[in-house]
Amino acid sequence: MESVARGGTRWKRFAVVMVPSVAATAAIGVALSQGALAASFSVSGQSFKVKADELRGYDMLQYGGVDVGVDMEGKKAAHPVAINAFKTAEIDNMCQSIVTHVPLLGDVTMKLTAGGKGTPVKAQNIYIDVAQLDSSSATFSNVDIGVAAGSAGDKVPPMKGGTEQANPNGFAQRADKAVIKDVKQTAWATSAGTFELSGFGLSLKKGSGAGVECY
């Protein structure tokens, strides 16, 4: 069974798979206990952008939740997100960027690139908290829409657990495989058991916007 979805996604329409991404401070290649998260963490006051040619994710679970953290002034903040989990994923030609305002310098963009030249980024037990996604096409294989998030079965990754702000009885979807092309995404957080970043590159450039950020 395959289902094809096109276009953008908002919070109330999060039944479209999102794309795994690498947070600016992600621990590369660090394994978590049995590949599952012990607890959620307090998110920063900045979201980040991710662009990729294609994502191939396997054994997917997606459900709604809330990321709790701080804003840039240090005040408490909460963000509705679509939480997307894959047991394994591959990402072709990935770019991640985040803009920080630096006194006296203005905007500075940090850009991370990996997964080019035919060797994709590889991830295991990955959880991505997404606010926005656009893609040219998305294909799901053996998808079940409307399952309870906490009762999706052993095949897909479990909910994060710990202090996660999500209802285990709430709406979720699961699929054997998701293929998403021409990805442009905004996310608040990413956690994973392992990340393999082939052809890893990191740069800092003054300014922001088109030509400096990933998109």
N, C-alpha and C. Protein backbone atom coordinates (compact mmCIF):
# COMPACT_ATOMS: atom_id res chain seq x y z
N MET A 1 0.85 -1.20 0.00
CA MET A 1 0.00 0.00 0.00
C MET A 1 0.87 1.23 0.00
N GLU A 2 0.55 2.21 -0.84
CA GLU A 2 1.30 3.45 -0.87
C GLU A 2 0.35 4.64 -0.82
N SER A 3 0.77 5.68 -0.16
CA SER A 3 0.00 6.91 -0.09
C SER A 3 0.91 8.05 -0.46
N VAL A 4 0.46 8.94 -1.34
CA VAL A 4 1.29 10.05 -1.79
C VAL A 4 0.71 11.35 -1.29
N ALA A 5 1.54 12.19 -0.70
CA ALA A 5 1.12 13.49 -0.20
C ALA A 5 2.03 14.55 -0.75
N ARG A 6 1.51 15.73 -1.08
CA ARG A 6 2.30 16.80 -1.65
C ARG A 6 2.06 18.10 -0.90
N GLY A 7 3.04 19.00 -0.96
CA GLY A 7 2.86 20.34 -0.44
C GLY A 7 3.36 20.51 0.97
N GLY A 8 2.82 21.54 1.69
CA GLY A 8 3.31 21.91 3.01
C GLY A 8 2.48 21.29 4.11
N THR A 9 3.00 21.38 5.33
CA THR A 9 2.36 20.78 6.49
C THR A 9 2.32 21.79 7.62
N ARG A 10 1.19 21.86 8.33
CA ARG A 10 1.06 22.70 9.51
C ARG A 10 0.74 21.81 10.71
N TRP A 11 0.70 22.41 11.89
CA TRP A 11 0.49 21.67 13.13
C TRP A 11 -0.77 20.83 13.09
N LYS A 12 -1.90 21.36 12.65
CA LYS A 12 -3.15 20.61 12.67
C LYS A 12 -3.24 19.61 11.54
N ARG A 13 -2.24 19.56 10.69
CA ARG A 13 -2.23 18.60 9.59
C ARG A 13 -0.90 17.86 9.59
N PHE A 14 -0.53 17.30 10.76
CA PHE A 14 0.79 16.70 10.87
C PHE A 14 0.81 15.24 10.44
N ALA A 15 -0.21 14.74 9.75
CA ALA A 15 -0.21 13.36 9.28
C ALA A 15 0.54 13.24 7.96
N VAL A 16 1.61 13.96 7.83
CA VAL A 16 2.55 13.83 6.71
C VAL A 16 3.94 13.70 7.31
N VAL A 17 4.69 12.71 6.90
CA VAL A 17 6.00 12.44 7.51
C VAL A 17 6.93 13.62 7.33
N MET A 18 7.74 13.90 8.34
CA MET A 18 8.71 14.97 8.30
C MET A 18 10.10 14.41 8.08
N VAL A 19 11.06 15.29 8.03
CA VAL A 19 12.40 14.87 7.67
C VAL A 19 13.35 14.94 8.84
N PRO A 20 14.10 13.88 9.10
CA PRO A 20 15.12 13.95 10.13
C PRO A 20 16.16 15.02 9.82
N SER A 21 16.61 15.70 10.86
CA SER A 21 17.59 16.75 10.67
C SER A 21 18.60 16.71 11.79
N VAL A 22 19.71 17.42 11.63
CA VAL A 22 20.79 17.40 12.61
C VAL A 22 20.79 18.74 13.34
N ALA A 23 20.55 18.75 14.65
CA ALA A 23 20.60 19.99 15.41
C ALA A 23 22.02 20.54 15.42
N ALA A 24 22.15 21.84 15.58
CA ALA A 24 23.47 22.47 15.49
C ALA A 24 24.43 21.91 16.53
N THR A 25 23.89 21.48 17.68
CA THR A 25 24.75 20.95 18.73
C THR A 25 24.61 19.44 18.88
N ALA A 26 24.17 18.76 17.83
CA ALA A 26 23.94 17.31 17.91
C ALA A 26 25.23 16.57 18.23
N ALA A 27 25.11 15.54 19.06
CA ALA A 27 26.26 14.69 19.37
C ALA A 27 26.37 13.63 18.28
N ILE A 28 27.36 13.75 17.43
CA ILE A 28 27.50 12.87 16.28
C ILE A 28 28.06 11.53 16.72
N GLY A 29 27.34 10.48 16.38
CA GLY A 29 27.80 9.13 16.66
C GLY A 29 27.68 8.71 18.12
N VAL A 30 26.92 9.44 18.92
CA VAL A 30 26.75 9.07 20.33
C VAL A 30 25.54 8.16 20.47
N ALA A 31 25.71 6.98 21.00
CA ALA A 31 24.61 6.03 21.15
C ALA A 31 23.89 6.28 22.48
N LEU A 32 22.57 6.29 22.42
CA LEU A 32 21.76 6.35 23.63
C LEU A 32 21.40 4.92 24.05
N SER A 33 21.04 4.75 25.28
CA SER A 33 20.77 3.42 25.82
C SER A 33 19.72 2.70 24.98
N GLN A 34 20.12 1.61 24.34
CA GLN A 34 19.26 0.77 23.52
C GLN A 34 18.61 1.57 22.39
N GLY A 35 19.21 2.71 22.04
CA GLY A 35 18.70 3.51 20.94
C GLY A 35 17.43 4.28 21.26
N ALA A 36 17.00 4.33 22.50
CA ALA A 36 15.79 5.05 22.88
C ALA A 36 16.14 6.21 23.79
N LEU A 37 15.30 7.23 23.83
CA LEU A 37 15.58 8.41 24.63
C LEU A 37 15.14 8.19 26.07
N ALA A 38 15.99 8.61 27.00
CA ALA A 38 15.64 8.50 28.41
C ALA A 38 14.66 9.60 28.82
N ALA A 39 14.79 10.77 28.21
CA ALA A 39 13.92 11.89 28.56
C ALA A 39 14.03 12.96 27.49
N SER A 40 13.05 13.85 27.48
CA SER A 40 13.10 15.00 26.60
C SER A 40 14.05 16.03 27.18
N PHE A 41 14.36 17.09 26.40
CA PHE A 41 15.20 18.15 26.92
C PHE A 41 14.55 19.50 26.64
N SER A 42 15.01 20.51 27.33
CA SER A 42 14.49 21.86 27.14
C SER A 42 15.05 22.45 25.86
N VAL A 43 14.15 22.83 24.93
CA VAL A 43 14.62 23.33 23.64
C VAL A 43 15.04 24.79 23.75
N SER A 44 15.92 25.19 22.84
CA SER A 44 16.40 26.57 22.81
C SER A 44 15.34 27.48 22.20
N GLY A 45 15.63 28.76 22.16
CA GLY A 45 14.71 29.73 21.59
C GLY A 45 14.85 29.91 20.10
N GLN A 46 15.59 29.02 19.42
CA GLN A 46 15.80 29.13 17.99
C GLN A 46 15.45 27.83 17.27
N SER A 47 14.66 27.96 16.23
CA SER A 47 14.44 26.84 15.33
C SER A 47 15.54 26.86 14.27
N PHE A 48 15.63 25.77 13.47
CA PHE A 48 16.67 25.71 12.45
C PHE A 48 16.09 25.13 11.16
N LYS A 49 16.75 25.41 10.05
CA LYS A 49 16.30 24.96 8.74
C LYS A 49 17.12 23.77 8.27
N VAL A 50 16.45 22.87 7.54
CA VAL A 50 17.12 21.73 6.93
C VAL A 50 16.62 21.57 5.50
N LYS A 51 17.55 21.34 4.60
CA LYS A 51 17.22 21.08 3.20
C LYS A 51 17.89 19.78 2.79
N ALA A 52 17.22 18.96 1.97
CA ALA A 52 17.80 17.71 1.50
C ALA A 52 17.19 17.32 0.17
N ASP A 53 17.96 16.60 -0.63
CA ASP A 53 17.44 16.12 -1.91
C ASP A 53 16.42 15.01 -1.70
N GLU A 54 16.70 14.10 -0.75
CA GLU A 54 15.76 13.00 -0.51
C GLU A 54 16.01 12.37 0.86
N LEU A 55 14.93 11.99 1.50
CA LEU A 55 14.98 11.20 2.74
C LEU A 55 14.34 9.84 2.48
N ARG A 56 14.99 8.80 2.98
CA ARG A 56 14.42 7.46 3.00
C ARG A 56 14.41 6.99 4.45
N GLY A 57 13.22 6.90 5.03
CA GLY A 57 13.09 6.52 6.43
C GLY A 57 12.34 5.21 6.57
N TYR A 58 12.75 4.38 7.54
CA TYR A 58 12.18 3.05 7.70
C TYR A 58 11.63 2.87 9.11
N ASP A 59 10.47 2.16 9.20
CA ASP A 59 9.80 1.91 10.48
C ASP A 59 9.53 3.24 11.19
N MET A 60 8.55 3.93 10.67
CA MET A 60 8.25 5.31 11.08
C MET A 60 7.08 5.36 12.06
N LEU A 61 7.20 6.26 13.05
CA LEU A 61 6.09 6.64 13.92
C LEU A 61 6.04 8.16 13.96
N GLN A 62 4.83 8.72 13.79
CA GLN A 62 4.66 10.17 13.86
C GLN A 62 3.46 10.51 14.73
N TYR A 63 3.63 11.48 15.62
CA TYR A 63 2.55 11.89 16.52
C TYR A 63 2.75 13.35 16.92
N GLY A 64 1.72 13.95 17.53
CA GLY A 64 1.79 15.35 17.92
C GLY A 64 2.27 15.52 19.34
N GLY A 65 2.94 16.63 19.60
CA GLY A 65 3.43 16.92 20.94
C GLY A 65 3.75 18.39 21.10
N VAL A 66 4.33 18.72 22.22
CA VAL A 66 4.71 20.10 22.52
C VAL A 66 6.14 20.12 23.03
N ASP A 67 7.00 20.94 22.41
CA ASP A 67 8.35 21.16 22.90
C ASP A 67 8.34 22.33 23.88
N VAL A 68 8.88 22.10 25.05
CA VAL A 68 8.92 23.13 26.10
C VAL A 68 10.36 23.56 26.30
N GLY A 69 10.57 24.87 26.40
CA GLY A 69 11.92 25.39 26.60
C GLY A 69 11.88 26.86 26.93
N VAL A 70 12.79 27.61 26.31
CA VAL A 70 12.90 29.04 26.56
C VAL A 70 12.93 29.78 25.24
N ASP A 71 12.60 31.09 25.30
CA ASP A 71 12.79 31.93 24.13
C ASP A 71 14.15 32.61 24.23
N MET A 72 14.45 33.51 23.31
CA MET A 72 15.77 34.14 23.28
C MET A 72 16.00 35.10 24.44
N GLU A 73 14.93 35.45 25.17
CA GLU A 73 15.06 36.29 26.36
C GLU A 73 15.11 35.45 27.63
N GLY A 74 15.08 34.13 27.49
CA GLY A 74 15.15 33.25 28.64
C GLY A 74 13.81 32.98 29.30
N LYS A 75 12.72 33.46 28.71
CA LYS A 75 11.39 33.20 29.26
C LYS A 75 10.89 31.84 28.79
N LYS A 76 10.00 31.22 29.58
CA LYS A 76 9.46 29.92 29.21
C LYS A 76 8.67 30.02 27.92
N ALA A 77 8.79 29.01 27.08
CA ALA A 77 8.11 28.98 25.80
C ALA A 77 7.71 27.55 25.46
N ALA A 78 6.66 27.41 24.65
CA ALA A 78 6.20 26.09 24.21
C ALA A 78 5.89 26.14 22.73
N HIS A 79 6.18 25.04 22.01
CA HIS A 79 6.01 25.00 20.57
C HIS A 79 5.31 23.71 20.17
N PRO A 80 4.14 23.78 19.51
CA PRO A 80 3.52 22.56 18.99
C PRO A 80 4.36 21.98 17.86
N VAL A 81 4.56 20.66 17.87
CA VAL A 81 5.42 20.01 16.89
C VAL A 81 4.82 18.69 16.44
N ALA A 82 5.24 18.24 15.28
CA ALA A 82 5.01 16.87 14.84
C ALA A 82 6.28 16.09 15.14
N ILE A 83 6.19 15.10 16.00
CA ILE A 83 7.35 14.30 16.39
C ILE A 83 7.44 13.10 15.46
N ASN A 84 8.58 12.99 14.78
CA ASN A 84 8.77 11.96 13.77
C ASN A 84 9.92 11.06 14.17
N ALA A 85 9.64 9.76 14.27
CA ALA A 85 10.66 8.81 14.69
C ALA A 85 10.86 7.75 13.62
N PHE A 86 12.13 7.38 13.38
CA PHE A 86 12.48 6.31 12.45
C PHE A 86 13.50 5.39 13.11
N LYS A 87 13.39 4.11 12.86
CA LYS A 87 14.44 3.21 13.33
C LYS A 87 15.73 3.43 12.56
N THR A 88 15.62 3.62 11.25
CA THR A 88 16.77 3.95 10.43
C THR A 88 16.35 4.95 9.37
N ALA A 89 17.30 5.77 8.92
CA ALA A 89 17.01 6.75 7.88
C ALA A 89 18.28 7.07 7.11
N GLU A 90 18.10 7.43 5.83
CA GLU A 90 19.19 7.89 4.97
C GLU A 90 18.77 9.22 4.34
N ILE A 91 19.71 10.17 4.28
CA ILE A 91 19.41 11.50 3.77
C ILE A 91 20.46 11.89 2.75
N ASP A 92 20.02 12.25 1.55
CA ASP A 92 20.93 12.64 0.48
C ASP A 92 21.12 14.15 0.44
N ASN A 93 22.40 14.58 0.40
CA ASN A 93 22.76 15.98 0.20
C ASN A 93 22.03 16.88 1.19
N MET A 94 22.35 16.72 2.45
CA MET A 94 21.70 17.47 3.53
C MET A 94 22.41 18.78 3.83
N CYS A 95 21.62 19.80 4.10
CA CYS A 95 22.14 21.10 4.54
C CYS A 95 21.30 21.57 5.72
N GLN A 96 21.97 22.04 6.78
CA GLN A 96 21.29 22.61 7.94
C GLN A 96 21.86 23.98 8.24
N SER A 97 20.98 24.92 8.57
CA SER A 97 21.47 26.26 8.90
C SER A 97 20.68 26.86 10.04
N ILE A 98 21.37 27.72 10.80
CA ILE A 98 20.73 28.47 11.88
C ILE A 98 21.38 29.84 11.95
N VAL A 99 20.55 30.86 12.18
CA VAL A 99 21.01 32.25 12.21
C VAL A 99 21.04 32.75 13.65
N THR A 100 22.15 33.34 14.04
CA THR A 100 22.30 33.93 15.37
C THR A 100 22.69 35.39 15.23
N HIS A 101 22.05 36.24 16.01
CA HIS A 101 22.40 37.67 15.99
C HIS A 101 23.54 37.91 16.99
N VAL A 102 24.64 38.44 16.50
CA VAL A 102 25.81 38.70 17.32
C VAL A 102 26.00 40.20 17.46
N PRO A 103 26.09 40.72 18.69
CA PRO A 103 26.32 42.16 18.88
C PRO A 103 27.53 42.64 18.11
N LEU A 104 27.43 43.78 17.50
CA LEU A 104 28.46 44.44 16.71
C LEU A 104 28.65 43.83 15.31
N LEU A 105 28.35 42.54 15.18
CA LEU A 105 28.50 41.87 13.88
C LEU A 105 27.20 41.74 13.10
N GLY A 106 26.09 41.67 13.81
CA GLY A 106 24.81 41.44 13.15
C GLY A 106 24.53 39.96 13.02
N ASP A 107 23.77 39.57 12.00
CA ASP A 107 23.40 38.17 11.81
C ASP A 107 24.60 37.35 11.34
N VAL A 108 24.76 36.17 11.94
CA VAL A 108 25.77 35.21 11.52
C VAL A 108 25.08 33.86 11.29
N THR A 109 25.31 33.25 10.15
CA THR A 109 24.68 31.98 9.81
C THR A 109 25.67 30.84 9.93
N MET A 110 25.30 29.83 10.72
CA MET A 110 26.10 28.61 10.79
C MET A 110 25.45 27.58 9.87
N LYS A 111 26.23 26.99 8.98
CA LYS A 111 25.71 26.03 8.02
C LYS A 111 26.49 24.72 8.12
N LEU A 112 25.74 23.62 8.19
CA LEU A 112 26.30 22.29 8.23
C LEU A 112 25.88 21.56 6.96
N THR A 113 26.81 20.88 6.30
CA THR A 113 26.50 20.10 5.11
C THR A 113 27.07 18.69 5.25
N ALA A 114 26.39 17.72 4.65
CA ALA A 114 26.83 16.32 4.70
C ALA A 114 25.98 15.51 3.73
N GLY A 115 26.44 14.30 3.44
CA GLY A 115 25.63 13.37 2.67
C GLY A 115 25.64 13.60 1.17
N GLY A 116 26.66 14.26 0.65
CA GLY A 116 26.78 14.46 -0.79
C GLY A 116 27.66 13.41 -1.43
N LYS A 117 27.89 13.55 -2.72
CA LYS A 117 28.80 12.68 -3.50
C LYS A 117 28.42 11.21 -3.41
N GLY A 118 27.11 10.94 -3.36
CA GLY A 118 26.64 9.57 -3.43
C GLY A 118 26.66 8.79 -2.14
N THR A 119 27.11 9.39 -1.03
CA THR A 119 27.12 8.70 0.26
C THR A 119 26.20 9.44 1.22
N PRO A 120 25.04 8.89 1.53
CA PRO A 120 24.06 9.63 2.33
C PRO A 120 24.41 9.71 3.80
N VAL A 121 23.80 10.68 4.48
CA VAL A 121 23.79 10.70 5.94
C VAL A 121 22.99 9.50 6.42
N LYS A 122 23.46 8.83 7.47
CA LYS A 122 22.76 7.67 8.01
C LYS A 122 22.45 7.92 9.49
N ALA A 123 21.24 7.55 9.91
CA ALA A 123 20.83 7.75 11.30
C ALA A 123 20.08 6.53 11.80
N GLN A 124 20.19 6.27 13.09
CA GLN A 124 19.46 5.20 13.74
C GLN A 124 18.71 5.76 14.95
N ASN A 125 17.48 5.25 15.14
CA ASN A 125 16.66 5.66 16.29
C ASN A 125 16.62 7.18 16.42
N ILE A 126 16.08 7.80 15.40
CA ILE A 126 16.08 9.26 15.32
C ILE A 126 14.69 9.82 15.59
N TYR A 127 14.63 10.91 16.38
CA TYR A 127 13.41 11.62 16.72
C TYR A 127 13.58 13.08 16.29
N ILE A 128 12.64 13.60 15.51
CA ILE A 128 12.72 14.97 15.01
C ILE A 128 11.43 15.71 15.36
N ASP A 129 11.55 16.88 15.95
CA ASP A 129 10.40 17.69 16.35
C ASP A 129 10.25 18.83 15.36
N VAL A 130 9.27 18.70 14.46
CA VAL A 130 9.17 19.54 13.27
C VAL A 130 8.01 20.52 13.38
N ALA A 131 8.25 21.75 12.93
CA ALA A 131 7.22 22.77 12.90
C ALA A 131 6.68 23.01 11.49
N GLN A 132 7.48 22.74 10.46
CA GLN A 132 7.09 23.06 9.09
C GLN A 132 7.85 22.17 8.12
N LEU A 133 7.17 21.68 7.08
CA LEU A 133 7.83 20.91 6.04
C LEU A 133 7.20 21.19 4.68
N ASP A 134 8.05 21.35 3.67
CA ASP A 134 7.61 21.42 2.28
C ASP A 134 8.43 20.41 1.48
N SER A 135 7.78 19.74 0.53
CA SER A 135 8.48 18.79 -0.33
C SER A 135 7.73 18.67 -1.64
N SER A 136 8.43 18.17 -2.66
CA SER A 136 7.77 17.98 -3.96
C SER A 136 6.90 16.74 -3.96
N SER A 137 7.24 15.71 -3.15
CA SER A 137 6.42 14.51 -3.06
C SER A 137 6.82 13.70 -1.84
N ALA A 138 5.85 12.93 -1.32
CA ALA A 138 6.11 12.02 -0.20
C ALA A 138 5.35 10.73 -0.45
N THR A 139 6.04 9.60 -0.34
CA THR A 139 5.42 8.29 -0.57
C THR A 139 5.60 7.43 0.67
N PHE A 140 4.47 6.84 1.15
CA PHE A 140 4.50 5.98 2.33
C PHE A 140 4.14 4.56 1.92
N SER A 141 4.83 3.59 2.47
CA SER A 141 4.54 2.18 2.20
C SER A 141 3.96 1.53 3.46
N ASN A 142 2.83 0.81 3.27
CA ASN A 142 2.16 0.11 4.38
C ASN A 142 1.91 1.07 5.53
N VAL A 143 1.14 2.12 5.27
CA VAL A 143 0.89 3.16 6.26
C VAL A 143 -0.42 2.88 6.99
N ASP A 144 -0.42 3.11 8.31
CA ASP A 144 -1.61 3.04 9.14
C ASP A 144 -1.81 4.41 9.77
N ILE A 145 -2.92 5.06 9.48
CA ILE A 145 -3.20 6.40 9.97
C ILE A 145 -4.32 6.34 11.00
N GLY A 146 -4.08 6.91 12.17
CA GLY A 146 -5.09 6.94 13.21
C GLY A 146 -4.84 5.99 14.36
N VAL A 147 -3.63 5.45 14.47
CA VAL A 147 -3.32 4.58 15.61
C VAL A 147 -3.05 5.43 16.84
N ALA A 148 -3.16 4.84 18.03
CA ALA A 148 -2.81 5.54 19.27
C ALA A 148 -1.29 5.62 19.38
N ALA A 149 -0.78 6.80 19.69
CA ALA A 149 0.67 7.03 19.67
C ALA A 149 1.43 6.06 20.58
N GLY A 150 0.87 5.76 21.73
CA GLY A 150 1.56 4.89 22.69
C GLY A 150 1.32 3.41 22.48
N SER A 151 0.53 3.06 21.47
CA SER A 151 0.19 1.66 21.23
C SER A 151 0.42 1.28 19.77
N ALA A 152 1.47 1.83 19.17
CA ALA A 152 1.73 1.61 17.76
C ALA A 152 2.45 0.30 17.47
N GLY A 153 2.93 -0.39 18.51
CA GLY A 153 3.56 -1.67 18.33
C GLY A 153 5.07 -1.62 18.45
N ASP A 154 5.69 -2.80 18.47
CA ASP A 154 7.13 -2.92 18.69
C ASP A 154 7.95 -2.64 17.43
N LYS A 155 7.33 -2.68 16.28
CA LYS A 155 8.09 -2.51 15.03
C LYS A 155 8.63 -1.10 14.88
N VAL A 156 7.84 -0.11 15.30
CA VAL A 156 8.26 1.29 15.18
C VAL A 156 8.91 1.75 16.48
N PRO A 157 9.67 2.86 16.45
CA PRO A 157 10.26 3.37 17.70
C PRO A 157 9.17 3.76 18.70
N PRO A 158 9.45 3.63 19.99
CA PRO A 158 8.47 4.04 21.00
C PRO A 158 8.42 5.56 21.11
N MET A 159 7.41 6.06 21.82
CA MET A 159 7.40 7.47 22.16
C MET A 159 8.63 7.79 23.00
N LYS A 160 9.01 9.05 23.05
CA LYS A 160 10.25 9.43 23.74
C LYS A 160 10.26 9.01 25.20
N GLY A 161 9.16 9.22 25.89
CA GLY A 161 9.12 8.93 27.31
C GLY A 161 9.71 10.07 28.12
N GLY A 162 9.99 9.81 29.39
CA GLY A 162 10.55 10.85 30.25
C GLY A 162 9.54 11.97 30.47
N THR A 163 9.98 13.20 30.23
CA THR A 163 9.12 14.36 30.46
C THR A 163 8.46 14.85 29.18
N GLU A 164 8.36 13.99 28.19
CA GLU A 164 7.77 14.38 26.91
C GLU A 164 6.34 14.89 27.08
N GLN A 165 6.03 15.98 26.37
CA GLN A 165 4.70 16.57 26.42
C GLN A 165 3.88 16.03 25.24
N ALA A 166 3.37 14.81 25.37
CA ALA A 166 2.57 14.18 24.33
C ALA A 166 1.63 13.16 24.96
N ASN A 167 0.46 13.00 24.36
CA ASN A 167 -0.55 12.10 24.89
C ASN A 167 -0.43 10.73 24.22
N PRO A 168 -0.17 9.66 24.97
CA PRO A 168 -0.02 8.33 24.36
C PRO A 168 -1.31 7.81 23.74
N ASN A 169 -2.44 8.43 24.09
CA ASN A 169 -3.72 8.03 23.51
C ASN A 169 -4.10 8.87 22.30
N GLY A 170 -3.24 9.80 21.94
CA GLY A 170 -3.54 10.70 20.83
C GLY A 170 -3.24 10.10 19.47
N PHE A 171 -3.62 10.84 18.43
CA PHE A 171 -3.48 10.42 17.03
C PHE A 171 -2.03 10.21 16.65
N ALA A 172 -1.80 9.16 15.86
CA ALA A 172 -0.47 8.89 15.30
C ALA A 172 -0.61 8.15 13.99
N GLN A 173 0.48 8.09 13.24
CA GLN A 173 0.52 7.23 12.07
C GLN A 173 1.85 6.48 12.07
N ARG A 174 1.83 5.30 11.44
CA ARG A 174 3.03 4.50 11.32
C ARG A 174 3.13 3.99 9.88
N ALA A 175 4.36 3.69 9.45
CA ALA A 175 4.56 3.20 8.10
C ALA A 175 5.86 2.39 8.05
N ASP A 176 5.91 1.45 7.11
CA ASP A 176 7.13 0.67 6.94
C ASP A 176 8.25 1.51 6.33
N LYS A 177 7.87 2.42 5.42
CA LYS A 177 8.88 3.21 4.72
C LYS A 177 8.28 4.53 4.28
N ALA A 178 9.09 5.59 4.29
CA ALA A 178 8.70 6.89 3.77
C ALA A 178 9.82 7.42 2.88
N VAL A 179 9.46 7.88 1.69
CA VAL A 179 10.42 8.49 0.78
C VAL A 179 9.94 9.90 0.49
N ILE A 180 10.75 10.91 0.83
CA ILE A 180 10.38 12.31 0.68
C ILE A 180 11.44 13.01 -0.15
N LYS A 181 11.00 13.72 -1.17
CA LYS A 181 11.92 14.36 -2.12
C LYS A 181 11.87 15.88 -1.99
N ASP A 182 13.02 16.51 -2.27
CA ASP A 182 13.13 17.98 -2.30
C ASP A 182 12.61 18.59 -1.00
N VAL A 183 13.27 18.29 0.07
CA VAL A 183 12.82 18.65 1.41
C VAL A 183 13.28 20.06 1.80
N LYS A 184 12.36 20.83 2.37
CA LYS A 184 12.66 22.09 3.05
C LYS A 184 11.89 22.07 4.36
N GLN A 185 12.62 22.13 5.47
CA GLN A 185 12.02 21.89 6.78
C GLN A 185 12.51 22.89 7.82
N THR A 186 11.61 23.20 8.77
CA THR A 186 11.97 23.95 9.97
C THR A 186 11.69 23.06 11.18
N ALA A 187 12.64 22.94 12.09
CA ALA A 187 12.50 22.06 13.25
C ALA A 187 12.99 22.75 14.51
N TRP A 188 12.55 22.20 15.66
CA TRP A 188 12.98 22.72 16.96
C TRP A 188 14.01 21.83 17.64
N ALA A 189 13.99 20.53 17.34
CA ALA A 189 14.92 19.63 18.03
C ALA A 189 15.08 18.34 17.24
N THR A 190 16.23 17.70 17.42
CA THR A 190 16.50 16.36 16.88
C THR A 190 17.32 15.58 17.89
N SER A 191 16.96 14.32 18.10
CA SER A 191 17.75 13.42 18.93
C SER A 191 17.89 12.10 18.18
N ALA A 192 19.02 11.43 18.36
CA ALA A 192 19.24 10.17 17.66
C ALA A 192 20.16 9.26 18.43
N GLY A 193 20.07 7.96 18.15
CA GLY A 193 21.02 7.02 18.72
C GLY A 193 22.39 7.22 18.10
N THR A 194 22.44 7.24 16.76
CA THR A 194 23.69 7.50 16.05
C THR A 194 23.43 8.34 14.81
N PHE A 195 24.45 9.13 14.42
CA PHE A 195 24.46 9.86 13.16
C PHE A 195 25.79 9.58 12.47
N GLU A 196 25.74 9.26 11.20
CA GLU A 196 26.95 9.15 10.39
C GLU A 196 26.88 10.24 9.32
N LEU A 197 27.77 11.22 9.41
CA LEU A 197 27.76 12.36 8.49
C LEU A 197 28.94 12.25 7.54
N SER A 198 28.71 11.68 6.38
CA SER A 198 29.76 11.57 5.37
C SER A 198 29.97 12.94 4.71
N GLY A 199 31.23 13.25 4.42
CA GLY A 199 31.52 14.53 3.78
C GLY A 199 31.10 15.72 4.62
N PHE A 200 31.31 15.62 5.92
CA PHE A 200 30.86 16.66 6.86
C PHE A 200 31.58 17.99 6.64
N GLY A 201 30.81 19.08 6.64
CA GLY A 201 31.39 20.41 6.54
C GLY A 201 30.63 21.39 7.41
N LEU A 202 31.34 22.38 7.98
CA LEU A 202 30.73 23.38 8.85
C LEU A 202 31.32 24.74 8.53
N SER A 203 30.45 25.74 8.35
CA SER A 203 30.94 27.08 8.01
C SER A 203 30.15 28.14 8.75
N LEU A 204 30.77 29.29 8.97
CA LEU A 204 30.13 30.47 9.56
C LEU A 204 30.26 31.62 8.57
N LYS A 205 29.14 32.26 8.27
CA LYS A 205 29.15 33.38 7.33
C LYS A 205 28.31 34.53 7.90
N LYS A 206 28.77 35.73 7.68
CA LYS A 206 28.02 36.90 8.11
C LYS A 206 26.83 37.10 7.20
N GLY A 207 25.69 37.43 7.81
CA GLY A 207 24.47 37.66 7.05
C GLY A 207 23.48 36.53 7.17
N SER A 208 22.35 36.65 6.50
CA SER A 208 21.30 35.64 6.53
C SER A 208 20.49 35.75 5.24
N GLY A 209 19.51 34.85 5.09
CA GLY A 209 18.65 34.91 3.92
C GLY A 209 19.16 34.05 2.78
N ALA A 210 18.55 34.22 1.60
CA ALA A 210 18.89 33.43 0.43
C ALA A 210 20.35 33.60 0.07
N GLY A 211 21.00 32.49 -0.27
CA GLY A 211 22.39 32.51 -0.63
C GLY A 211 23.34 32.32 0.53
N VAL A 212 22.83 32.50 1.75
CA VAL A 212 23.64 32.31 2.96
C VAL A 212 23.12 31.11 3.76
N GLU A 213 21.81 31.09 4.02
CA GLU A 213 21.19 29.93 4.67
C GLU A 213 20.98 28.82 3.65
N CYS A 214 20.49 27.67 4.13
CA CYS A 214 20.25 26.54 3.22
C CYS A 214 19.16 26.84 2.19
N TYR A 215 18.18 27.66 2.57
CA TYR A 215 17.15 28.12 1.64
C TYR A 215 16.51 29.38 2.19
